[in-house]
PDB file of N, CA and C in Angstrom:
ATOM      1  N   UNK A   1       6.296  27.762   7.117  1.00  0.00           N
ATOM      2  CA  UNK A   1       6.281  27.072   8.319  1.00  0.00           C
ATOM      3  C   UNK A   1       5.608  27.740   9.588  1.00  0.00           C
ATOM      4  N   UNK A   2       5.705  29.098   9.537  1.00  0.00           N
ATOM      5  CA  UNK A   2       4.984  29.757  10.561  1.00  0.00           C
ATOM      6  C   UNK A   2       3.643  29.636  10.552  1.00  0.00           C
ATOM      7  N   UNK A   3       2.921  29.639   9.223  1.00  0.00           N
ATOM      8  CA  UNK A   3       1.596  29.540   9.136  1.00  0.00           C
ATOM      9  C   UNK A   3       1.118  28.140   9.438  1.00  0.00           C
ATOM     10  N   UNK A   4       2.018  27.077   9.068  1.00  0.00           N
ATOM     11  CA  UNK A   4       1.613  25.850   9.332  1.00  0.00           C
ATOM     12  C   UNK A   4       1.547  25.423  10.884  1.00  0.00           C
ATOM     13  N   UNK A   5       2.518  26.081  11.533  1.00  0.00           N
ATOM     14  CA  UNK A   5       2.351  25.776  13.021  1.00  0.00           C
ATOM     15  C   UNK A   5       1.499  26.758  13.690  1.00  0.00           C
ATOM     16  N   UNK A   6       0.628  27.468  13.137  1.00  0.00           N
ATOM     17  CA  UNK A   6      -0.189  28.320  13.745  1.00  0.00           C
ATOM     18  C   UNK A   6       0.228  29.756  13.889  1.00  0.00           C
ATOM     19  N   UNK A   7       0.937  30.286  13.028  1.00  0.00           N
ATOM     20  CA  UNK A   7       1.513  31.569  13.031  1.00  0.00           C
ATOM     21  C   UNK A   7       2.269  31.929  14.311  1.00  0.00           C
ATOM     22  N   UNK A   8       3.255  31.025  14.457  1.00  0.00           N
ATOM     23  CA  UNK A   8       4.278  31.263  15.692  1.00  0.00           C
ATOM     24  C   UNK A   8       5.404  31.971  15.122  1.00  0.00           C
ATOM     25  N   UNK A   9       6.170  32.559  16.018  1.00  0.00           N
ATOM     26  CA  UNK A   9       7.391  33.320  15.742  1.00  0.00           C
ATOM     27  C   UNK A   9       8.295  32.550  14.891  1.00  0.00           C
ATOM     28  N   UNK A  10       9.101  33.058  14.002  1.00  0.00           N
ATOM     29  CA  UNK A  10      10.118  32.366  13.233  1.00  0.00           C
ATOM     30  C   UNK A  10      11.269  31.795  14.166  1.00  0.00           C
ATOM     31  N   UNK A  11      11.623  32.316  15.140  1.00  0.00           N
ATOM     32  CA  UNK A  11      12.452  31.908  16.078  1.00  0.00           C
ATOM     33  C   UNK A  11      12.078  30.434  16.588  1.00  0.00           C
ATOM     34  N   UNK A  12      10.904  30.179  16.776  1.00  0.00           N
ATOM     35  CA  UNK A  12      10.467  28.952  17.349  1.00  0.00           C
ATOM     36  C   UNK A  12      10.529  27.815  16.439  1.00  0.00           C
ATOM     37  N   UNK A  13      10.496  28.095  15.092  1.00  0.00           N
ATOM     38  CA  UNK A  13      10.548  27.060  14.161  1.00  0.00           C
ATOM     39  C   UNK A  13      11.807  26.896  13.387  1.00  0.00           C
ATOM     40  N   UNK A  14      12.574  27.846  13.769  1.00  0.00           N
ATOM     41  CA  UNK A  14      13.895  27.777  13.064  1.00  0.00           C
ATOM     42  C   UNK A  14      14.732  26.367  13.046  1.00  0.00           C
ATOM     43  N   UNK A  15      14.677  25.671  14.310  1.00  0.00           N
ATOM     44  CA  UNK A  15      15.328  24.491  14.319  1.00  0.00           C
ATOM     45  C   UNK A  15      14.688  23.389  13.578  1.00  0.00           C
ATOM     46  N   UNK A  16      13.456  23.379  13.470  1.00  0.00           N
ATOM     47  CA  UNK A  16      12.708  22.409  12.623  1.00  0.00           C
ATOM     48  C   UNK A  16      13.107  22.750  11.048  1.00  0.00           C
ATOM     49  N   UNK A  17      12.979  23.987  10.888  1.00  0.00           N
ATOM     50  CA  UNK A  17      13.153  24.339   9.274  1.00  0.00           C
ATOM     51  C   UNK A  17      14.668  23.955   9.015  1.00  0.00           C
ATOM     52  N   UNK A  18      15.526  24.201   9.798  1.00  0.00           N
ATOM     53  CA  UNK A  18      17.003  23.841   9.535  1.00  0.00           C
ATOM     54  C   UNK A  18      17.045  22.323   9.364  1.00  0.00           C
ATOM     55  N   UNK A  19      16.386  21.491  10.263  1.00  0.00           N
ATOM     56  CA  UNK A  19      16.420  20.150  10.144  1.00  0.00           C
ATOM     57  C   UNK A  19      15.868  19.643   8.829  1.00  0.00           C
ATOM     58  N   UNK A  20      14.734  20.283   8.304  1.00  0.00           N
ATOM     59  CA  UNK A  20      14.152  19.986   6.973  1.00  0.00           C
ATOM     60  C   UNK A  20      15.000  20.161   5.900  1.00  0.00           C
ATOM     61  N   UNK A  21      15.670  21.433   5.916  1.00  0.00           N
ATOM     62  CA  UNK A  21      16.693  21.840   5.056  1.00  0.00           C
ATOM     63  C   UNK A  21      17.724  20.686   4.840  1.00  0.00           C
ATOM     64  N   UNK A  22      18.261  20.444   6.124  1.00  0.00           N
ATOM     65  CA  UNK A  22      19.385  19.301   6.034  1.00  0.00           C
ATOM     66  C   UNK A  22      18.924  18.015   5.582  1.00  0.00           C
ATOM     67  N   UNK A  23      17.754  17.481   5.897  1.00  0.00           N
ATOM     68  CA  UNK A  23      17.182  16.234   5.351  1.00  0.00           C
ATOM     69  C   UNK A  23      16.925  16.422   3.792  1.00  0.00           C
ATOM     70  N   UNK A  24      16.620  17.465   3.335  1.00  0.00           N
ATOM     71  CA  UNK A  24      16.464  17.727   1.860  1.00  0.00           C
ATOM     72  C   UNK A  24      17.929  17.587   1.226  1.00  0.00           C
ATOM     73  N   UNK A  25      18.881  18.248   1.708  1.00  0.00           N
ATOM     74  CA  UNK A  25      20.122  18.160   1.301  1.00  0.00           C
ATOM     75  C   UNK A  25      20.744  16.644   1.203  1.00  0.00           C
ATOM     76  N   UNK A  26      20.495  15.940   2.338  1.00  0.00           N
ATOM     77  CA  UNK A  26      20.922  14.616   2.353  1.00  0.00           C
ATOM     78  C   UNK A  26      20.323  13.544   1.541  1.00  0.00           C
ATOM     79  N   UNK A  27      19.004  13.871   1.268  1.00  0.00           N
ATOM     80  CA  UNK A  27      18.189  12.893   0.440  1.00  0.00           C
ATOM     81  C   UNK A  27      18.531  13.022  -1.074  1.00  0.00           C
ATOM     82  N   UNK A  28      19.183  14.105  -1.508  1.00  0.00           N
ATOM     83  CA  UNK A  28      19.529  14.149  -2.969  1.00  0.00           C
ATOM     84  C   UNK A  28      18.572  14.733  -3.763  1.00  0.00           C
ATOM     85  N   UNK A  29      17.440  15.305  -3.101  1.00  0.00           N
ATOM     86  CA  UNK A  29      16.540  16.147  -3.971  1.00  0.00           C
ATOM     87  C   UNK A  29      16.550  17.561  -3.717  1.00  0.00           C
ATOM     88  N   UNK A  30      17.456  18.216  -4.452  1.00  0.00           N
ATOM     89  CA  UNK A  30      17.833  19.628  -4.206  1.00  0.00           C
ATOM     90  C   UNK A  30      17.218  20.346  -5.329  1.00  0.00           C
ATOM     91  N   UNK A  31      16.314  21.355  -5.107  1.00  0.00           N
ATOM     92  CA  UNK A  31      15.760  22.127  -6.163  1.00  0.00           C
ATOM     93  C   UNK A  31      14.700  21.389  -6.871  1.00  0.00           C
ATOM     94  N   UNK A  32      14.179  20.224  -6.323  1.00  0.00           N
ATOM     95  CA  UNK A  32      13.148  19.489  -7.106  1.00  0.00           C
ATOM     96  C   UNK A  32      13.570  18.526  -8.005  1.00  0.00           C
ATOM     97  N   UNK A  33      14.980  18.283  -8.250  1.00  0.00           N
ATOM     98  CA  UNK A  33      15.424  17.475  -9.011  1.00  0.00           C
ATOM     99  C   UNK A  33      16.025  16.216  -8.389  1.00  0.00           C
ATOM    100  N   UNK A  34      15.626  15.075  -8.789  1.00  0.00           N
ATOM    101  CA  UNK A  34      16.207  13.846  -8.075  1.00  0.00           C
ATOM    102  C   UNK A  34      17.406  13.401  -8.789  1.00  0.00           C
ATOM    103  N   UNK A  35      18.528  12.953  -8.099  1.00  0.00           N
ATOM    104  CA  UNK A  35      19.646  12.477  -8.626  1.00  0.00           C
ATOM    105  C   UNK A  35      19.451  10.980  -9.160  1.00  0.00           C
ATOM    106  N   UNK A  36      19.542  10.734 -10.444  1.00  0.00           N
ATOM    107  CA  UNK A  36      18.967   9.395 -10.911  1.00  0.00           C
ATOM    108  C   UNK A  36      20.040   8.289 -10.594  1.00  0.00           C
ATOM    109  N   UNK A  37      21.239   8.629 -10.437  1.00  0.00           N
ATOM    110  CA  UNK A  37      22.126   7.456 -10.156  1.00  0.00           C
ATOM    111  C   UNK A  37      21.798   7.005  -8.648  1.00  0.00           C
ATOM    112  N   UNK A  38      21.605   7.826  -7.727  1.00  0.00           N
ATOM    113  CA  UNK A  38      21.373   7.437  -6.413  1.00  0.00           C
ATOM    114  C   UNK A  38      19.882   6.903  -6.333  1.00  0.00           C
ATOM    115  N   UNK A  39      19.042   7.374  -7.162  1.00  0.00           N
ATOM    116  CA  UNK A  39      17.637   6.943  -7.204  1.00  0.00           C
ATOM    117  C   UNK A  39      17.531   5.394  -7.757  1.00  0.00           C
ATOM    118  N   UNK A  40      18.400   5.050  -8.790  1.00  0.00           N
ATOM    119  CA  UNK A  40      18.554   3.753  -9.268  1.00  0.00           C
ATOM    120  C   UNK A  40      19.081   2.761  -8.282  1.00  0.00           C
ATOM    121  N   UNK A  41      20.161   3.309  -7.494  1.00  0.00           N
ATOM    122  CA  UNK A  41      20.655   2.392  -6.402  1.00  0.00           C
ATOM    123  C   UNK A  41      19.627   2.091  -5.174  1.00  0.00           C
ATOM    124  N   UNK A  42      18.866   3.081  -5.001  1.00  0.00           N
ATOM    125  CA  UNK A  42      17.738   2.886  -3.993  1.00  0.00           C
ATOM    126  C   UNK A  42      16.690   2.006  -4.509  1.00  0.00           C
ATOM    127  N   UNK A  43      16.461   2.050  -5.546  1.00  0.00           N
ATOM    128  CA  UNK A  43      15.435   1.132  -6.298  1.00  0.00           C
ATOM    129  C   UNK A  43      15.950  -0.261  -6.113  1.00  0.00           C
ATOM    130  N   UNK A  44      17.112  -0.559  -6.619  1.00  0.00           N
ATOM    131  CA  UNK A  44      17.523  -1.812  -6.743  1.00  0.00           C
ATOM    132  C   UNK A  44      17.809  -2.391  -5.233  1.00  0.00           C
ATOM    133  N   UNK A  45      18.077  -1.507  -4.276  1.00  0.00           N
ATOM    134  CA  UNK A  45      18.365  -2.051  -2.931  1.00  0.00           C
ATOM    135  C   UNK A  45      16.887  -2.349  -2.436  1.00  0.00           C
ATOM    136  N   UNK A  46      15.867  -1.517  -2.744  1.00  0.00           N
ATOM    137  CA  UNK A  46      14.615  -1.921  -2.328  1.00  0.00           C
ATOM    138  C   UNK A  46      14.120  -3.156  -2.981  1.00  0.00           C
ATOM    139  N   UNK A  47      14.336  -3.517  -4.249  1.00  0.00           N
ATOM    140  CA  UNK A  47      14.012  -4.754  -4.766  1.00  0.00           C
ATOM    141  C   UNK A  47      14.667  -5.902  -4.185  1.00  0.00           C
ATOM    142  N   UNK A  48      16.017  -5.678  -3.660  1.00  0.00           N
ATOM    143  CA  UNK A  48      16.724  -6.708  -3.002  1.00  0.00           C
ATOM    144  C   UNK A  48      16.151  -7.034  -1.662  1.00  0.00           C
ATOM    145  N   UNK A  49      15.372  -6.235  -1.076  1.00  0.00           N
ATOM    146  CA  UNK A  49      14.789  -6.590   0.214  1.00  0.00           C
ATOM    147  C   UNK A  49      13.688  -7.528   0.063  1.00  0.00           C
ATOM    148  N   UNK A  50      13.258  -7.759  -1.090  1.00  0.00           N
ATOM    149  CA  UNK A  50      12.238  -8.912  -1.265  1.00  0.00           C
ATOM    150  C   UNK A  50      13.020 -10.243  -1.329  1.00  0.00           C
ATOM    151  N   UNK A  51      14.187 -10.411  -1.371  1.00  0.00           N
ATOM    152  CA  UNK A  51      14.829 -11.590  -1.246  1.00  0.00           C
ATOM    153  C   UNK A  51      15.128 -11.924   0.103  1.00  0.00           C
ATOM    154  N   UNK A  52      14.876 -11.036   0.974  1.00  0.00           N
ATOM    155  CA  UNK A  52      15.161 -11.233   2.537  1.00  0.00           C
ATOM    156  C   UNK A  52      14.008 -12.038   2.971  1.00  0.00           C
ATOM    157  N   UNK A  53      14.421 -13.209   3.809  1.00  0.00           N
ATOM    158  CA  UNK A  53      13.297 -14.091   4.312  1.00  0.00           C
ATOM    159  C   UNK A  53      12.341 -13.469   5.373  1.00  0.00           C
ATOM    160  N   UNK A  54      12.835 -12.369   6.032  1.00  0.00           N
ATOM    161  CA  UNK A  54      12.078 -11.750   7.086  1.00  0.00           C
ATOM    162  C   UNK A  54      10.925 -11.017   6.387  1.00  0.00           C
ATOM    163  N   UNK A  55      10.960 -10.792   4.967  1.00  0.00           N
ATOM    164  CA  UNK A  55       9.847 -10.125   4.513  1.00  0.00           C
ATOM    165  C   UNK A  55       8.644 -11.105   4.111  1.00  0.00           C
ATOM    166  N   UNK A  56       9.107 -12.371   3.965  1.00  0.00           N
ATOM    167  CA  UNK A  56       8.126 -13.447   3.526  1.00  0.00           C
ATOM    168  C   UNK A  56       6.917 -13.667   4.523  1.00  0.00           C
ATOM    169  N   UNK A  57       7.439 -13.595   5.895  1.00  0.00           N
ATOM    170  CA  UNK A  57       6.410 -14.022   6.915  1.00  0.00           C
ATOM    171  C   UNK A  57       5.372 -13.207   6.995  1.00  0.00           C
ATOM    172  N   UNK A  58       5.389 -11.804   6.985  1.00  0.00           N
ATOM    173  CA  UNK A  58       4.428 -10.781   7.220  1.00  0.00           C
ATOM    174  C   UNK A  58       3.636 -10.645   5.712  1.00  0.00           C
ATOM    175  N   UNK A  59       4.282 -10.992   4.592  1.00  0.00           N
ATOM    176  CA  UNK A  59       3.722 -10.833   3.402  1.00  0.00           C
ATOM    177  C   UNK A  59       2.773 -12.041   3.322  1.00  0.00           C
ATOM    178  N   UNK A  60       3.219 -13.297   3.706  1.00  0.00           N
ATOM    179  CA  UNK A  60       2.409 -14.467   3.697  1.00  0.00           C
ATOM    180  C   UNK A  60       1.093 -14.225   4.573  1.00  0.00           C
ATOM    181  N   UNK A  61       1.234 -13.743   5.764  1.00  0.00           N
ATOM    182  CA  UNK A  61       0.279 -13.409   6.740  1.00  0.00           C
ATOM    183  C   UNK A  61      -0.773 -12.487   6.194  1.00  0.00           C
ATOM    184  N   UNK A  62      -0.290 -11.475   5.473  1.00  0.00           N
ATOM    185  CA  UNK A  62      -1.128 -10.382   4.879  1.00  0.00           C
ATOM    186  C   UNK A  62      -1.954 -11.116   3.701  1.00  0.00           C
ATOM    187  N   UNK A  63      -1.366 -12.057   2.817  1.00  0.00           N
ATOM    188  CA  UNK A  63      -2.029 -12.595   1.773  1.00  0.00           C
ATOM    189  C   UNK A  63      -3.143 -13.612   2.369  1.00  0.00           C
ATOM    190  N   UNK A  64      -2.728 -14.379   3.438  1.00  0.00           N
ATOM    191  CA  UNK A  64      -3.841 -15.234   4.057  1.00  0.00           C
ATOM    192  C   UNK A  64      -4.928 -14.437   4.614  1.00  0.00           C
ATOM    193  N   UNK A  65      -4.776 -13.331   5.129  1.00  0.00           N
ATOM    194  CA  UNK A  65      -5.907 -12.480   5.700  1.00  0.00           C
ATOM    195  C   UNK A  65      -6.743 -11.997   4.532  1.00  0.00           C
ATOM    196  N   UNK A  66      -6.102 -11.456   3.481  1.00  0.00           N
ATOM    197  CA  UNK A  66      -6.785 -11.104   2.285  1.00  0.00           C
ATOM    198  C   UNK A  66      -7.603 -12.088   1.673  1.00  0.00           C
ATOM    199  N   UNK A  67      -7.023 -13.254   1.491  1.00  0.00           N
ATOM    200  CA  UNK A  67      -7.760 -14.259   0.914  1.00  0.00           C
ATOM    201  C   UNK A  67      -8.894 -14.822   1.759  1.00  0.00           C
ATOM    202  N   UNK A  68      -8.791 -14.930   3.060  1.00  0.00           N
ATOM    203  CA  UNK A  68     -10.042 -15.434   3.973  1.00  0.00           C
ATOM    204  C   UNK A  68     -10.967 -14.222   4.069  1.00  0.00           C
ATOM    205  N   UNK A  69     -10.556 -13.028   4.130  1.00  0.00           N
ATOM    206  CA  UNK A  69     -11.637 -11.957   4.030  1.00  0.00           C
ATOM    207  C   UNK A  69     -12.426 -11.999   2.670  1.00  0.00           C
ATOM    208  N   UNK A  70     -11.710 -12.353   1.604  1.00  0.00           N
ATOM    209  CA  UNK A  70     -12.340 -12.343   0.219  1.00  0.00           C
ATOM    210  C   UNK A  70     -13.343 -13.442   0.282  1.00  0.00           C
ATOM    211  N   UNK A  71     -13.133 -14.712   0.629  1.00  0.00           N
ATOM    212  CA  UNK A  71     -13.754 -15.892   0.631  1.00  0.00           C
ATOM    213  C   UNK A  71     -14.976 -15.748   1.652  1.00  0.00           C
ATOM    214  N   UNK A  72     -14.764 -15.074   2.720  1.00  0.00           N
ATOM    215  CA  UNK A  72     -15.796 -14.831   3.807  1.00  0.00           C
ATOM    216  C   UNK A  72     -16.911 -13.772   3.149  1.00  0.00           C
ATOM    217  N   UNK A  73     -16.379 -12.891   2.384  1.00  0.00           N
ATOM    218  CA  UNK A  73     -17.359 -11.985   1.975  1.00  0.00           C
ATOM    219  C   UNK A  73     -18.075 -12.608   0.697  1.00  0.00           C
ATOM    220  N   UNK A  74     -17.737 -13.751   0.126  1.00  0.00           N
ATOM    221  CA  UNK A  74     -18.431 -14.298  -0.962  1.00  0.00           C
ATOM    222  C   UNK A  74     -19.551 -15.173  -0.403  1.00  0.00           C
ATOM    223  N   UNK A  75     -19.512 -15.735   0.917  1.00  0.00           N
ATOM    224  CA  UNK A  75     -20.498 -16.734   1.196  1.00  0.00           C
ATOM    225  C   UNK A  75     -21.920 -16.046   1.329  1.00  0.00           C
ATOM    226  N   UNK A  76     -22.062 -14.602   1.808  1.00  0.00           N
ATOM    227  CA  UNK A  76     -23.527 -14.258   1.765  1.00  0.00           C
ATOM    228  C   UNK A  76     -23.976 -13.908   0.261  1.00  0.00           C
ATOM    229  N   UNK A  77     -23.153 -13.862  -0.646  1.00  0.00           N
ATOM    230  CA  UNK A  77     -23.604 -13.646  -2.041  1.00  0.00           C
ATOM    231  C   UNK A  77     -24.107 -14.997  -2.667  1.00  0.00           C
ATOM    232  N   UNK A  78     -23.884 -16.084  -2.118  1.00  0.00           N
ATOM    233  CA  UNK A  78     -24.170 -17.447  -2.799  1.00  0.00           C
ATOM    234  C   UNK A  78     -25.672 -17.602  -3.091  1.00  0.00           C
ATOM    235  N   UNK A  79     -26.475 -17.281  -2.197  1.00  0.00           N
ATOM    236  CA  UNK A  79     -28.006 -17.331  -2.415  1.00  0.00           C
ATOM    237  C   UNK A  79     -28.522 -16.438  -3.750  1.00  0.00           C
ATOM    238  N   UNK A  80     -27.847 -15.139  -3.797  1.00  0.00           N
ATOM    239  CA  UNK A  80     -28.281 -14.345  -4.851  1.00  0.00           C
ATOM    240  C   UNK A  80     -27.732 -14.850  -6.102  1.00  0.00           C
ATOM    241  N   UNK A  81     -26.430 -15.389  -6.002  1.00  0.00           N
ATOM    242  CA  UNK A  81     -25.933 -15.863  -7.330  1.00  0.00           C
ATOM    243  C   UNK A  81     -26.710 -17.054  -7.788  1.00  0.00           C
ATOM    244  N   UNK A  82     -27.077 -17.843  -6.875  1.00  0.00           N
ATOM    245  CA  UNK A  82     -27.937 -19.114  -7.483  1.00  0.00           C
ATOM    246  C   UNK A  82     -29.226 -18.655  -8.040  1.00  0.00           C
ATOM    247  N   UNK A  83     -29.808 -17.687  -7.354  1.00  0.00           N
ATOM    248  CA  UNK A  83     -31.227 -17.184  -7.813  1.00  0.00           C
ATOM    249  C   UNK A  83     -30.936 -16.539  -9.182  1.00  0.00           C
ATOM    250  N   UNK A  84     -29.950 -15.659  -9.437  1.00  0.00           N
ATOM    251  CA  UNK A  84     -29.703 -15.067 -10.671  1.00  0.00           C
ATOM    252  C   UNK A  84     -29.481 -16.103 -11.813  1.00  0.00           C
ATOM    253  N   UNK A  85     -28.566 -17.024 -11.365  1.00  0.00           N
ATOM    254  CA  UNK A  85     -28.214 -18.213 -12.426  1.00  0.00           C
ATOM    255  C   UNK A  85     -29.456 -18.903 -12.802  1.00  0.00           C
ATOM    256  N   UNK A  86     -30.384 -19.188 -11.859  1.00  0.00           N
ATOM    257  CA  UNK A  86     -31.611 -19.956 -12.042  1.00  0.00           C
ATOM    258  C   UNK A  86     -32.587 -19.020 -12.975  1.00  0.00           C
ATOM    259  N   UNK A  87     -32.581 -17.745 -12.709  1.00  0.00           N
ATOM    260  CA  UNK A  87     -33.455 -17.050 -13.699  1.00  0.00           C
ATOM    261  C   UNK A  87     -32.989 -16.884 -15.049  1.00  0.00           C
ATOM    262  N   UNK A  88     -31.532 -16.722 -15.191  1.00  0.00           N
ATOM    263  CA  UNK A  88     -31.046 -16.513 -16.589  1.00  0.00           C
ATOM    264  C   UNK A  88     -31.082 -17.980 -17.237  1.00  0.00           C
ATOM    265  N   UNK A  89     -31.054 -19.078 -16.476  1.00  0.00           N
ATOM    266  CA  UNK A  89     -31.020 -20.438 -17.015  1.00  0.00           C
ATOM    267  C   UNK A  89     -29.728 -20.722 -17.527  1.00  0.00           C
ATOM    268  N   UNK A  90     -28.564 -20.442 -16.835  1.00  0.00           N
ATOM    269  CA  UNK A  90     -27.397 -20.849 -17.151  1.00  0.00           C
ATOM    270  C   UNK A  90     -26.980 -22.326 -16.890  1.00  0.00           C
ATOM    271  N   UNK A  91     -27.300 -22.765 -15.689  1.00  0.00           N
ATOM    272  CA  UNK A  91     -26.967 -24.131 -15.328  1.00  0.00           C
ATOM    273  C   UNK A  91     -28.292 -24.691 -14.741  1.00  0.00           C
ATOM    274  N   UNK A  92     -28.332 -26.073 -14.752  1.00  0.00           N
ATOM    275  CA  UNK A  92     -29.454 -26.681 -14.083  1.00  0.00           C
ATOM    276  C   UNK A  92     -29.176 -26.809 -12.657  1.00  0.00           C
ATOM    277  N   UNK A  93     -27.934 -27.220 -12.230  1.00  0.00           N
ATOM    278  CA  UNK A  93     -27.731 -27.363 -10.693  1.00  0.00           C
ATOM    279  C   UNK A  93     -26.666 -26.320 -10.347  1.00  0.00           C
ATOM    280  N   UNK A  94     -27.191 -25.181  -9.758  1.00  0.00           N
ATOM    281  CA  UNK A  94     -26.172 -24.002  -9.498  1.00  0.00           C
ATOM    282  C   UNK A  94     -25.280 -24.378  -8.495  1.00  0.00           C
ATOM    283  N   UNK A  95     -25.812 -25.093  -7.462  1.00  0.00           N
ATOM    284  CA  UNK A  95     -24.864 -25.331  -6.135  1.00  0.00           C
ATOM    285  C   UNK A  95     -23.560 -26.123  -6.608  1.00  0.00           C
ATOM    286  N   UNK A  96     -23.626 -26.932  -7.465  1.00  0.00           N
ATOM    287  CA  UNK A  96     -22.343 -27.676  -7.987  1.00  0.00           C
ATOM    288  C   UNK A  96     -21.457 -26.826  -8.836  1.00  0.00           C
ATOM    289  N   UNK A  97     -22.073 -25.917  -9.473  1.00  0.00           N
ATOM    290  CA  UNK A  97     -21.269 -24.917 -10.227  1.00  0.00           C
ATOM    291  C   UNK A  97     -20.662 -23.913  -9.476  1.00  0.00           C
ATOM    292  N   UNK A  98     -21.232 -23.485  -8.293  1.00  0.00           N
ATOM    293  CA  UNK A  98     -20.673 -22.647  -7.271  1.00  0.00           C
ATOM    294  C   UNK A  98     -19.469 -23.193  -6.506  1.00  0.00           C
ATOM    295  N   UNK A  99     -19.514 -24.544  -6.213  1.00  0.00           N
ATOM    296  CA  UNK A  99     -18.530 -25.205  -5.529  1.00  0.00           C
ATOM    297  C   UNK A  99     -17.273 -25.251  -6.318  1.00  0.00           C
TER     298      UNK A  99
END
């Protein structure tokens, strides 16, 4: 931690170090081993959050934004796709197939 903070004195980082040690003890990951029972409970509680209606509004907004950005990015490629389809000879009327 001294090196991470720029070679400061150990006394200056001692409160931060003790806080990190306490967070490690509280989280259940002591010695690099994760307690599986507690981990399963956390996983199930995280899955239960998807049932919360407050999650749906931001999720819906993000899906709309992703869909619109995907569609908008396809519009500039339409002339190139029609030219490629015409050269390959896949369809007679490429505009109808793209719609």
